[in-house]
Amino acid sequence: MTFWDKTADFYDAFQAINREVYREMTDTVERLVPRGAKVLDCAAGTGELSIAAAKNADSVLCTDLSVKMLGNARKKAAARGIQNIGFEARNMFHLEDPDNTYDVVIAGNVLHLLADPQAAVREMYRVLKPGGKLLLPTFTALNKEPVLIKLYRLIGFAPEHEYTPQEYKDMLCETGYDVKAKIIRGAFPCTFAVIKKPL
């Protein structure tokens, strides 16, 4: 059982500590997903960003490697009466879709967990349609380690990378794509990066 399977049942309770950042993150996702979009959410966890995207999207595919996380995401969507989300266990490094499939691809709070985040970004970019957007909000430390990360470490959390906002943007820029980013400040700050694929 992975760390994420073990924490699936109380993941949302932990995130409540960072409620204001999560609210702005989900509001930003909702705002950036155009009406009628086809959306892929990678490493979606309990599906909060998928649910935000579903408000404007025609369809959302909510994916994660943790089947337990996906089960909780499915229950959450059903409880809120959301019917335009599908759920599937998937590896974001090897997406099954052809090139240029989605209007929006989301990967929230996952790239710092990956040994090769740029490979994941390139694979998500591949399935993005021209003119589409890659939404990459990720927790970043402004100066000191946030309390939430300290709590996670106590139960086995071990990220591959610990980025400042500038380090995170620099890492994404090394892919050669044009990256825009803003900082969402709160208990555990988030750097919300957006990559748009040229037409």
N, C-alpha and C. Protein backbone atom coordinates (compact mmCIF):
# COMPACT_ATOMS: atom_id res chain seq x y z
N MET A 1 0.85 -1.20 0.00
CA MET A 1 0.00 0.00 0.00
C MET A 1 0.89 1.25 0.00
N THR A 2 0.58 2.19 -0.89
CA THR A 2 1.40 3.41 -1.00
C THR A 2 1.02 4.42 0.08
N PHE A 3 1.87 5.44 0.23
CA PHE A 3 1.57 6.54 1.14
C PHE A 3 0.20 7.14 0.82
N TRP A 4 -0.11 7.26 -0.47
CA TRP A 4 -1.36 7.92 -0.88
C TRP A 4 -2.57 7.04 -0.60
N ASP A 5 -2.42 5.72 -0.72
CA ASP A 5 -3.51 4.83 -0.31
C ASP A 5 -3.75 4.94 1.19
N LYS A 6 -2.65 5.01 1.95
CA LYS A 6 -2.77 5.08 3.41
C LYS A 6 -3.44 6.38 3.86
N THR A 7 -3.19 7.47 3.13
CA THR A 7 -3.70 8.78 3.57
C THR A 7 -4.99 9.19 2.87
N ALA A 8 -5.51 8.37 1.98
CA ALA A 8 -6.67 8.76 1.18
C ALA A 8 -7.86 9.18 2.02
N ASP A 9 -8.10 8.46 3.13
CA ASP A 9 -9.31 8.71 3.91
C ASP A 9 -9.24 9.99 4.74
N PHE A 10 -8.04 10.49 5.01
CA PHE A 10 -7.98 11.76 5.75
C PHE A 10 -7.20 12.84 5.02
N TYR A 11 -6.98 12.63 3.72
CA TYR A 11 -6.27 13.62 2.89
C TYR A 11 -6.99 14.98 2.91
N ASP A 12 -8.29 14.96 2.70
CA ASP A 12 -9.05 16.22 2.65
C ASP A 12 -9.02 16.94 3.99
N ALA A 13 -9.02 16.19 5.09
CA ALA A 13 -8.95 16.82 6.42
C ALA A 13 -7.63 17.54 6.61
N PHE A 14 -6.54 16.94 6.14
CA PHE A 14 -5.24 17.62 6.21
C PHE A 14 -5.25 18.88 5.36
N GLN A 15 -5.85 18.80 4.17
CA GLN A 15 -5.85 19.96 3.28
C GLN A 15 -6.69 21.11 3.84
N ALA A 16 -7.60 20.82 4.74
CA ALA A 16 -8.43 21.87 5.34
C ALA A 16 -7.59 22.89 6.10
N ILE A 17 -6.41 22.46 6.55
CA ILE A 17 -5.49 23.40 7.21
C ILE A 17 -5.11 24.52 6.26
N ASN A 18 -5.11 24.21 4.97
CA ASN A 18 -4.69 25.15 3.93
C ASN A 18 -5.90 25.62 3.09
N ARG A 19 -7.03 25.78 3.76
CA ARG A 19 -8.31 26.00 3.09
C ARG A 19 -8.30 27.19 2.12
N GLU A 20 -7.72 28.33 2.52
CA GLU A 20 -7.76 29.53 1.68
C GLU A 20 -6.99 29.32 0.38
N VAL A 21 -5.84 28.65 0.47
CA VAL A 21 -5.05 28.39 -0.73
C VAL A 21 -5.81 27.45 -1.65
N TYR A 22 -6.42 26.41 -1.08
CA TYR A 22 -7.19 25.47 -1.90
C TYR A 22 -8.36 26.16 -2.58
N ARG A 23 -9.02 27.07 -1.87
CA ARG A 23 -10.16 27.76 -2.46
C ARG A 23 -9.72 28.58 -3.68
N GLU A 24 -8.61 29.32 -3.54
CA GLU A 24 -8.13 30.11 -4.68
C GLU A 24 -7.64 29.22 -5.81
N MET A 25 -7.03 28.09 -5.45
CA MET A 25 -6.56 27.15 -6.47
C MET A 25 -7.74 26.61 -7.29
N THR A 26 -8.79 26.17 -6.60
CA THR A 26 -9.95 25.63 -7.31
C THR A 26 -10.69 26.71 -8.09
N ASP A 27 -10.77 27.91 -7.54
CA ASP A 27 -11.40 29.02 -8.27
C ASP A 27 -10.63 29.34 -9.55
N THR A 28 -9.30 29.28 -9.46
CA THR A 28 -8.46 29.56 -10.64
C THR A 28 -8.65 28.49 -11.70
N VAL A 29 -8.70 27.23 -11.28
CA VAL A 29 -8.95 26.14 -12.24
C VAL A 29 -10.30 26.36 -12.92
N GLU A 30 -11.33 26.63 -12.14
CA GLU A 30 -12.66 26.85 -12.73
C GLU A 30 -12.63 27.99 -13.75
N ARG A 31 -11.94 29.06 -13.41
CA ARG A 31 -11.87 30.22 -14.30
C ARG A 31 -11.11 29.92 -15.59
N LEU A 32 -10.09 29.08 -15.53
CA LEU A 32 -9.24 28.82 -16.69
C LEU A 32 -9.75 27.71 -17.60
N VAL A 33 -10.75 26.97 -17.14
CA VAL A 33 -11.33 25.91 -17.99
C VAL A 33 -12.46 26.52 -18.80
N PRO A 34 -12.33 26.53 -20.13
CA PRO A 34 -13.39 27.15 -20.95
C PRO A 34 -14.64 26.28 -21.04
N ARG A 35 -15.74 26.90 -21.37
CA ARG A 35 -17.01 26.19 -21.54
C ARG A 35 -16.86 25.12 -22.61
N GLY A 36 -17.35 23.92 -22.31
CA GLY A 36 -17.35 22.85 -23.29
C GLY A 36 -16.03 22.13 -23.44
N ALA A 37 -15.07 22.39 -22.56
CA ALA A 37 -13.73 21.81 -22.70
C ALA A 37 -13.72 20.32 -22.38
N LYS A 38 -12.76 19.64 -22.99
CA LYS A 38 -12.44 18.26 -22.65
C LYS A 38 -11.19 18.31 -21.77
N VAL A 39 -11.27 17.76 -20.55
CA VAL A 39 -10.24 17.97 -19.54
C VAL A 39 -9.69 16.63 -19.04
N LEU A 40 -8.38 16.59 -18.84
CA LEU A 40 -7.72 15.47 -18.18
C LEU A 40 -7.09 15.99 -16.90
N ASP A 41 -7.37 15.33 -15.78
CA ASP A 41 -6.75 15.68 -14.50
C ASP A 41 -5.85 14.51 -14.08
N CYS A 42 -4.54 14.75 -14.04
CA CYS A 42 -3.56 13.72 -13.71
C CYS A 42 -3.19 13.79 -12.23
N ALA A 43 -2.99 12.63 -11.61
CA ALA A 43 -2.66 12.57 -10.19
C ALA A 43 -3.65 13.40 -9.39
N ALA A 44 -4.93 13.14 -9.63
CA ALA A 44 -6.01 14.00 -9.14
C ALA A 44 -6.33 13.84 -7.67
N GLY A 45 -5.79 12.80 -7.02
CA GLY A 45 -6.09 12.62 -5.60
C GLY A 45 -7.57 12.43 -5.36
N THR A 46 -8.12 13.19 -4.43
CA THR A 46 -9.55 13.06 -4.12
C THR A 46 -10.45 13.90 -5.03
N GLY A 47 -9.88 14.44 -6.10
CA GLY A 47 -10.69 15.00 -7.18
C GLY A 47 -11.15 16.43 -7.04
N GLU A 48 -10.57 17.20 -6.14
CA GLU A 48 -11.05 18.56 -5.93
C GLU A 48 -10.88 19.43 -7.18
N LEU A 49 -9.76 19.29 -7.88
CA LEU A 49 -9.54 20.10 -9.09
C LEU A 49 -10.38 19.58 -10.25
N SER A 50 -10.63 18.27 -10.30
CA SER A 50 -11.53 17.72 -11.32
C SER A 50 -12.93 18.29 -11.15
N ILE A 51 -13.38 18.38 -9.90
CA ILE A 51 -14.71 18.91 -9.62
C ILE A 51 -14.80 20.39 -10.00
N ALA A 52 -13.74 21.14 -9.72
CA ALA A 52 -13.71 22.56 -10.13
C ALA A 52 -13.77 22.68 -11.65
N ALA A 53 -13.00 21.84 -12.34
CA ALA A 53 -12.99 21.88 -13.81
C ALA A 53 -14.33 21.51 -14.40
N ALA A 54 -15.04 20.58 -13.74
CA ALA A 54 -16.31 20.06 -14.26
C ALA A 54 -17.40 21.12 -14.33
N LYS A 55 -17.24 22.21 -13.61
CA LYS A 55 -18.27 23.25 -13.62
C LYS A 55 -18.43 23.89 -15.00
N ASN A 56 -17.33 23.95 -15.76
CA ASN A 56 -17.40 24.52 -17.11
C ASN A 56 -17.18 23.49 -18.21
N ALA A 57 -16.49 22.41 -17.89
CA ALA A 57 -16.10 21.43 -18.91
C ALA A 57 -17.28 20.62 -19.42
N ASP A 58 -17.12 20.13 -20.64
CA ASP A 58 -18.07 19.14 -21.16
C ASP A 58 -17.80 17.79 -20.50
N SER A 59 -16.49 17.45 -20.36
CA SER A 59 -16.13 16.19 -19.72
C SER A 59 -14.78 16.32 -19.03
N VAL A 60 -14.63 15.60 -17.93
CA VAL A 60 -13.37 15.56 -17.19
C VAL A 60 -13.03 14.10 -16.94
N LEU A 61 -11.77 13.73 -17.22
CA LEU A 61 -11.27 12.40 -16.86
C LEU A 61 -10.35 12.58 -15.65
N CYS A 62 -10.79 12.08 -14.51
CA CYS A 62 -10.07 12.18 -13.24
C CYS A 62 -9.21 10.93 -13.08
N THR A 63 -7.88 11.09 -13.03
CA THR A 63 -6.99 9.94 -13.00
C THR A 63 -6.01 10.02 -11.83
N ASP A 64 -5.59 8.85 -11.38
CA ASP A 64 -4.59 8.77 -10.31
C ASP A 64 -4.07 7.33 -10.28
N LEU A 65 -2.88 7.12 -9.74
CA LEU A 65 -2.37 5.77 -9.57
C LEU A 65 -2.99 5.08 -8.36
N SER A 66 -3.45 5.88 -7.38
CA SER A 66 -4.05 5.32 -6.17
C SER A 66 -5.53 5.04 -6.39
N VAL A 67 -5.89 3.78 -6.42
CA VAL A 67 -7.28 3.40 -6.61
C VAL A 67 -8.14 3.89 -5.44
N LYS A 68 -7.55 3.91 -4.25
CA LYS A 68 -8.30 4.38 -3.08
C LYS A 68 -8.61 5.87 -3.19
N MET A 69 -7.64 6.67 -3.64
CA MET A 69 -7.89 8.09 -3.87
C MET A 69 -9.01 8.28 -4.90
N LEU A 70 -8.94 7.50 -5.98
CA LEU A 70 -9.97 7.60 -7.02
C LEU A 70 -11.35 7.23 -6.49
N GLY A 71 -11.40 6.22 -5.61
CA GLY A 71 -12.68 5.85 -5.00
C GLY A 71 -13.26 6.99 -4.20
N ASN A 72 -12.42 7.69 -3.47
CA ASN A 72 -12.90 8.84 -2.69
C ASN A 72 -13.32 9.99 -3.60
N ALA A 73 -12.59 10.18 -4.70
CA ALA A 73 -12.96 11.21 -5.66
C ALA A 73 -14.32 10.90 -6.28
N ARG A 74 -14.54 9.65 -6.60
CA ARG A 74 -15.83 9.23 -7.19
C ARG A 74 -16.98 9.48 -6.21
N LYS A 75 -16.77 9.13 -4.95
CA LYS A 75 -17.80 9.37 -3.94
C LYS A 75 -18.09 10.86 -3.76
N LYS A 76 -17.03 11.66 -3.77
CA LYS A 76 -17.20 13.10 -3.59
C LYS A 76 -17.99 13.70 -4.75
N ALA A 77 -17.66 13.31 -5.98
CA ALA A 77 -18.38 13.83 -7.14
C ALA A 77 -19.85 13.41 -7.10
N ALA A 78 -20.10 12.16 -6.73
CA ALA A 78 -21.48 11.66 -6.65
C ALA A 78 -22.27 12.42 -5.59
N ALA A 79 -21.64 12.69 -4.45
CA ALA A 79 -22.31 13.41 -3.36
C ALA A 79 -22.69 14.83 -3.79
N ARG A 80 -21.92 15.40 -4.70
CA ARG A 80 -22.20 16.76 -5.17
C ARG A 80 -23.05 16.78 -6.44
N GLY A 81 -23.48 15.60 -6.89
CA GLY A 81 -24.35 15.51 -8.06
C GLY A 81 -23.67 15.81 -9.37
N ILE A 82 -22.36 15.61 -9.45
CA ILE A 82 -21.60 15.92 -10.67
C ILE A 82 -21.52 14.66 -11.53
N GLN A 83 -21.96 14.77 -12.78
CA GLN A 83 -22.08 13.59 -13.63
C GLN A 83 -21.17 13.61 -14.85
N ASN A 84 -20.41 14.68 -15.06
CA ASN A 84 -19.56 14.76 -16.25
C ASN A 84 -18.10 14.45 -15.96
N ILE A 85 -17.84 13.63 -14.92
CA ILE A 85 -16.49 13.20 -14.58
C ILE A 85 -16.40 11.69 -14.68
N GLY A 86 -15.36 11.21 -15.39
CA GLY A 86 -15.03 9.80 -15.42
C GLY A 86 -13.80 9.55 -14.56
N PHE A 87 -13.59 8.32 -14.17
CA PHE A 87 -12.49 7.99 -13.25
C PHE A 87 -11.70 6.80 -13.80
N GLU A 88 -10.37 6.92 -13.72
CA GLU A 88 -9.53 5.88 -14.30
C GLU A 88 -8.16 5.88 -13.64
N ALA A 89 -7.64 4.69 -13.33
CA ALA A 89 -6.27 4.58 -12.82
C ALA A 89 -5.31 4.72 -14.00
N ARG A 90 -4.41 5.71 -13.89
CA ARG A 90 -3.49 5.99 -15.01
C ARG A 90 -2.14 6.46 -14.50
N ASN A 91 -1.13 6.20 -15.31
CA ASN A 91 0.23 6.68 -15.08
C ASN A 91 0.46 7.91 -15.95
N MET A 92 0.75 9.05 -15.34
CA MET A 92 0.88 10.29 -16.10
C MET A 92 2.12 10.32 -17.00
N PHE A 93 3.05 9.39 -16.81
CA PHE A 93 4.22 9.33 -17.68
C PHE A 93 3.92 8.57 -18.97
N HIS A 94 2.83 7.82 -18.98
CA HIS A 94 2.49 7.00 -20.16
C HIS A 94 0.99 7.10 -20.42
N LEU A 95 0.55 8.25 -20.91
CA LEU A 95 -0.87 8.46 -21.17
C LEU A 95 -1.29 7.69 -22.42
N GLU A 96 -2.48 7.17 -22.39
CA GLU A 96 -2.96 6.31 -23.47
C GLU A 96 -3.56 7.09 -24.63
N ASP A 97 -3.69 8.38 -24.49
CA ASP A 97 -4.39 9.19 -25.49
C ASP A 97 -3.48 9.57 -26.65
N PRO A 98 -4.08 9.76 -27.83
CA PRO A 98 -3.29 10.29 -28.95
C PRO A 98 -2.90 11.75 -28.72
N ASP A 99 -1.98 12.24 -29.52
CA ASP A 99 -1.60 13.65 -29.46
C ASP A 99 -2.84 14.53 -29.63
N ASN A 100 -2.79 15.72 -29.02
CA ASN A 100 -3.80 16.77 -29.26
C ASN A 100 -5.22 16.32 -28.90
N THR A 101 -5.39 15.72 -27.74
CA THR A 101 -6.70 15.18 -27.33
C THR A 101 -7.50 16.14 -26.45
N TYR A 102 -6.83 16.86 -25.54
CA TYR A 102 -7.54 17.61 -24.49
C TYR A 102 -7.37 19.12 -24.64
N ASP A 103 -8.42 19.84 -24.24
CA ASP A 103 -8.36 21.31 -24.21
C ASP A 103 -7.59 21.80 -22.99
N VAL A 104 -7.70 21.07 -21.89
CA VAL A 104 -7.02 21.42 -20.64
C VAL A 104 -6.49 20.14 -20.00
N VAL A 105 -5.25 20.18 -19.53
CA VAL A 105 -4.69 19.10 -18.73
C VAL A 105 -4.24 19.70 -17.40
N ILE A 106 -4.61 19.04 -16.31
CA ILE A 106 -4.31 19.52 -14.96
C ILE A 106 -3.41 18.52 -14.25
N ALA A 107 -2.43 19.03 -13.51
CA ALA A 107 -1.65 18.17 -12.60
C ALA A 107 -1.35 19.02 -11.37
N GLY A 108 -2.15 18.84 -10.34
CA GLY A 108 -2.04 19.67 -9.14
C GLY A 108 -1.26 19.00 -8.03
N ASN A 109 -0.28 19.71 -7.51
CA ASN A 109 0.47 19.26 -6.32
C ASN A 109 1.07 17.88 -6.48
N VAL A 110 1.69 17.67 -7.63
CA VAL A 110 2.31 16.36 -7.87
C VAL A 110 3.73 16.44 -8.40
N LEU A 111 4.08 17.49 -9.12
CA LEU A 111 5.38 17.50 -9.80
C LEU A 111 6.55 17.45 -8.84
N HIS A 112 6.38 17.99 -7.63
CA HIS A 112 7.47 17.93 -6.65
C HIS A 112 7.66 16.52 -6.08
N LEU A 113 6.73 15.62 -6.38
CA LEU A 113 6.83 14.24 -5.91
C LEU A 113 7.55 13.33 -6.89
N LEU A 114 7.84 13.84 -8.09
CA LEU A 114 8.35 13.01 -9.17
C LEU A 114 9.86 13.17 -9.35
N ALA A 115 10.53 12.06 -9.62
CA ALA A 115 11.98 12.12 -9.87
C ALA A 115 12.28 12.89 -11.16
N ASP A 116 11.40 12.77 -12.16
CA ASP A 116 11.60 13.46 -13.44
C ASP A 116 10.32 14.23 -13.81
N PRO A 117 10.08 15.36 -13.15
CA PRO A 117 8.84 16.08 -13.42
C PRO A 117 8.74 16.60 -14.85
N GLN A 118 9.88 16.92 -15.46
CA GLN A 118 9.84 17.45 -16.83
C GLN A 118 9.33 16.41 -17.83
N ALA A 119 9.64 15.14 -17.60
CA ALA A 119 9.12 14.08 -18.47
C ALA A 119 7.60 14.01 -18.38
N ALA A 120 7.07 14.16 -17.17
CA ALA A 120 5.62 14.16 -17.00
C ALA A 120 4.99 15.37 -17.70
N VAL A 121 5.63 16.53 -17.59
CA VAL A 121 5.11 17.74 -18.25
C VAL A 121 5.09 17.56 -19.76
N ARG A 122 6.14 16.99 -20.31
CA ARG A 122 6.20 16.77 -21.77
C ARG A 122 5.11 15.79 -22.23
N GLU A 123 4.85 14.75 -21.43
CA GLU A 123 3.81 13.79 -21.81
C GLU A 123 2.42 14.44 -21.74
N MET A 124 2.17 15.25 -20.72
CA MET A 124 0.88 15.96 -20.64
C MET A 124 0.73 16.97 -21.76
N TYR A 125 1.82 17.65 -22.11
CA TYR A 125 1.81 18.62 -23.20
C TYR A 125 1.49 17.93 -24.53
N ARG A 126 1.99 16.72 -24.70
CA ARG A 126 1.76 15.96 -25.93
C ARG A 126 0.27 15.76 -26.20
N VAL A 127 -0.50 15.48 -25.16
CA VAL A 127 -1.93 15.19 -25.36
C VAL A 127 -2.79 16.45 -25.34
N LEU A 128 -2.15 17.60 -25.19
CA LEU A 128 -2.87 18.87 -25.16
C LEU A 128 -3.09 19.38 -26.59
N LYS A 129 -4.30 19.85 -26.88
CA LYS A 129 -4.60 20.41 -28.20
C LYS A 129 -3.86 21.74 -28.39
N PRO A 130 -3.56 22.11 -29.64
CA PRO A 130 -3.05 23.47 -29.89
C PRO A 130 -4.03 24.51 -29.35
N GLY A 131 -3.51 25.49 -28.63
CA GLY A 131 -4.35 26.49 -27.99
C GLY A 131 -4.81 26.07 -26.61
N GLY A 132 -4.52 24.82 -26.22
CA GLY A 132 -4.93 24.32 -24.92
C GLY A 132 -4.01 24.76 -23.81
N LYS A 133 -4.43 24.48 -22.57
CA LYS A 133 -3.69 24.94 -21.38
C LYS A 133 -3.33 23.79 -20.46
N LEU A 134 -2.12 23.84 -19.98
CA LEU A 134 -1.63 22.91 -18.97
C LEU A 134 -1.59 23.66 -17.65
N LEU A 135 -2.39 23.21 -16.66
CA LEU A 135 -2.50 23.88 -15.37
C LEU A 135 -1.73 23.08 -14.33
N LEU A 136 -0.71 23.72 -13.71
CA LEU A 136 0.23 23.01 -12.85
C LEU A 136 0.41 23.71 -11.50
N PRO A 137 -0.64 23.77 -10.68
CA PRO A 137 -0.47 24.35 -9.34
C PRO A 137 0.29 23.39 -8.43
N THR A 138 1.31 23.89 -7.75
CA THR A 138 2.13 23.03 -6.89
C THR A 138 2.54 23.80 -5.64
N PHE A 139 2.49 23.13 -4.50
CA PHE A 139 2.93 23.74 -3.25
C PHE A 139 4.43 24.05 -3.33
N THR A 140 4.78 25.26 -2.96
CA THR A 140 6.17 25.70 -2.95
C THR A 140 6.44 26.46 -1.66
N ALA A 141 7.67 26.42 -1.20
CA ALA A 141 8.04 27.08 0.06
C ALA A 141 8.65 28.44 -0.23
N LEU A 142 8.13 29.48 0.41
CA LEU A 142 8.68 30.83 0.21
C LEU A 142 10.01 30.99 0.95
N ASN A 143 10.10 30.45 2.15
CA ASN A 143 11.36 30.55 2.90
C ASN A 143 11.55 29.37 3.85
N LYS A 144 10.54 29.04 4.64
CA LYS A 144 10.67 27.92 5.57
C LYS A 144 9.65 26.85 5.25
N GLU A 145 9.89 25.66 5.76
CA GLU A 145 9.01 24.53 5.50
C GLU A 145 7.66 24.74 6.17
N PRO A 146 6.57 24.68 5.40
CA PRO A 146 5.24 24.88 5.99
C PRO A 146 4.88 23.78 6.99
N VAL A 147 4.01 24.14 7.92
CA VAL A 147 3.58 23.20 8.96
C VAL A 147 2.96 21.94 8.35
N LEU A 148 2.18 22.10 7.27
CA LEU A 148 1.51 20.95 6.67
C LEU A 148 2.52 19.90 6.20
N ILE A 149 3.63 20.34 5.63
CA ILE A 149 4.66 19.40 5.18
C ILE A 149 5.29 18.69 6.38
N LYS A 150 5.50 19.41 7.47
CA LYS A 150 6.05 18.78 8.67
C LYS A 150 5.12 17.67 9.17
N LEU A 151 3.80 17.93 9.12
CA LEU A 151 2.83 16.91 9.53
C LEU A 151 2.89 15.70 8.60
N TYR A 152 2.96 15.97 7.30
CA TYR A 152 3.04 14.89 6.32
C TYR A 152 4.29 14.04 6.53
N ARG A 153 5.41 14.68 6.84
CA ARG A 153 6.66 13.93 7.03
C ARG A 153 6.54 12.92 8.17
N LEU A 154 5.77 13.28 9.18
CA LEU A 154 5.58 12.38 10.32
C LEU A 154 4.90 11.07 9.93
N ILE A 155 4.16 11.09 8.82
CA ILE A 155 3.46 9.86 8.40
C ILE A 155 4.05 9.29 7.11
N GLY A 156 5.29 9.71 6.79
CA GLY A 156 6.01 9.04 5.70
C GLY A 156 6.12 9.79 4.39
N PHE A 157 5.69 11.05 4.34
CA PHE A 157 5.77 11.83 3.11
C PHE A 157 7.22 12.20 2.82
N ALA A 158 7.65 11.99 1.56
CA ALA A 158 9.03 12.30 1.19
C ALA A 158 9.07 12.80 -0.25
N PRO A 159 8.94 14.11 -0.46
CA PRO A 159 8.96 14.63 -1.83
C PRO A 159 10.33 14.48 -2.47
N GLU A 160 10.34 14.36 -3.79
CA GLU A 160 11.60 14.28 -4.54
C GLU A 160 12.29 15.65 -4.62
N HIS A 161 11.48 16.71 -4.64
CA HIS A 161 12.01 18.08 -4.79
C HIS A 161 11.28 19.00 -3.83
N GLU A 162 11.98 20.03 -3.38
CA GLU A 162 11.36 21.09 -2.57
C GLU A 162 11.70 22.41 -3.24
N TYR A 163 10.73 22.95 -3.97
CA TYR A 163 10.94 24.13 -4.79
C TYR A 163 10.54 25.41 -4.08
N THR A 164 11.28 26.48 -4.33
CA THR A 164 10.76 27.83 -4.11
C THR A 164 9.93 28.16 -5.35
N PRO A 165 9.11 29.21 -5.32
CA PRO A 165 8.36 29.57 -6.53
C PRO A 165 9.24 29.78 -7.75
N GLN A 166 10.38 30.46 -7.58
CA GLN A 166 11.25 30.71 -8.73
C GLN A 166 11.90 29.41 -9.23
N GLU A 167 12.29 28.55 -8.31
CA GLU A 167 12.88 27.26 -8.72
C GLU A 167 11.87 26.41 -9.49
N TYR A 168 10.62 26.47 -9.04
CA TYR A 168 9.58 25.70 -9.72
C TYR A 168 9.36 26.22 -11.14
N LYS A 169 9.26 27.54 -11.28
CA LYS A 169 9.08 28.12 -12.61
C LYS A 169 10.29 27.83 -13.49
N ASP A 170 11.49 27.93 -12.94
CA ASP A 170 12.71 27.65 -13.72
C ASP A 170 12.71 26.21 -14.22
N MET A 171 12.31 25.27 -13.35
CA MET A 171 12.27 23.87 -13.75
C MET A 171 11.33 23.67 -14.92
N LEU A 172 10.16 24.32 -14.86
CA LEU A 172 9.19 24.20 -15.95
C LEU A 172 9.71 24.86 -17.23
N CYS A 173 10.37 25.99 -17.10
CA CYS A 173 10.90 26.70 -18.27
C CYS A 173 11.98 25.89 -18.99
N GLU A 174 12.66 25.02 -18.25
CA GLU A 174 13.69 24.18 -18.86
C GLU A 174 13.12 23.20 -19.88
N THR A 175 11.81 23.01 -19.87
CA THR A 175 11.17 22.16 -20.88
C THR A 175 11.13 22.87 -22.24
N GLY A 176 11.36 24.18 -22.25
CA GLY A 176 11.30 24.96 -23.48
C GLY A 176 9.94 25.57 -23.74
N TYR A 177 8.98 25.33 -22.86
CA TYR A 177 7.64 25.89 -23.02
C TYR A 177 7.55 27.25 -22.35
N ASP A 178 6.57 28.03 -22.78
CA ASP A 178 6.34 29.36 -22.20
C ASP A 178 5.50 29.19 -20.93
N VAL A 179 6.05 29.62 -19.80
CA VAL A 179 5.42 29.40 -18.50
C VAL A 179 5.00 30.72 -17.86
N LYS A 180 3.76 30.80 -17.45
CA LYS A 180 3.27 31.92 -16.63
C LYS A 180 2.99 31.38 -15.24
N ALA A 181 3.25 32.16 -14.21
CA ALA A 181 3.05 31.65 -12.85
C ALA A 181 2.66 32.78 -11.90
N LYS A 182 1.83 32.42 -10.91
CA LYS A 182 1.50 33.35 -9.84
C LYS A 182 1.57 32.60 -8.52
N ILE A 183 1.82 33.32 -7.44
CA ILE A 183 1.90 32.72 -6.12
C ILE A 183 0.56 32.92 -5.40
N ILE A 184 0.02 31.83 -4.87
CA ILE A 184 -1.15 31.90 -4.00
C ILE A 184 -0.64 31.77 -2.57
N ARG A 185 -0.79 32.80 -1.79
CA ARG A 185 -0.21 32.83 -0.45
C ARG A 185 -1.19 32.29 0.59
N GLY A 186 -0.64 31.62 1.60
CA GLY A 186 -1.45 31.06 2.66
C GLY A 186 -0.60 30.21 3.58
N ALA A 187 -1.24 29.34 4.37
CA ALA A 187 -0.52 28.50 5.31
C ALA A 187 0.55 27.68 4.61
N PHE A 188 0.23 27.19 3.42
CA PHE A 188 1.17 26.44 2.59
C PHE A 188 1.05 27.02 1.19
N PRO A 189 1.93 27.96 0.80
CA PRO A 189 1.78 28.67 -0.48
C PRO A 189 1.83 27.72 -1.68
N CYS A 190 1.18 28.15 -2.74
CA CYS A 190 1.13 27.40 -3.99
C CYS A 190 1.61 28.30 -5.12
N THR A 191 2.41 27.75 -6.01
CA THR A 191 2.75 28.45 -7.24
C THR A 191 1.90 27.85 -8.35
N PHE A 192 1.01 28.67 -8.91
CA PHE A 192 0.07 28.20 -9.94
C PHE A 192 0.68 28.54 -11.30
N ALA A 193 1.23 27.51 -11.95
CA ALA A 193 1.87 27.69 -13.26
C ALA A 193 0.91 27.28 -14.38
N VAL A 194 0.97 28.01 -15.48
CA VAL A 194 0.15 27.73 -16.66
C VAL A 194 1.05 27.70 -17.89
N ILE A 195 0.92 26.65 -18.68
CA ILE A 195 1.62 26.55 -19.95
C ILE A 195 0.57 26.46 -21.04
N LYS A 196 0.63 27.38 -22.00
CA LYS A 196 -0.33 27.36 -23.11
C LYS A 196 0.35 26.85 -24.36
N LYS A 197 -0.29 25.90 -25.03
CA LYS A 197 0.28 25.33 -26.27
C LYS A 197 -0.08 26.23 -27.44
N PRO A 198 0.90 26.66 -28.22
CA PRO A 198 0.59 27.57 -29.35
C PRO A 198 -0.35 26.94 -30.36
N LEU A 199 -1.13 27.78 -31.02
CA LEU A 199 -2.03 27.31 -32.08
C LEU A 199 -1.23 26.88 -33.30
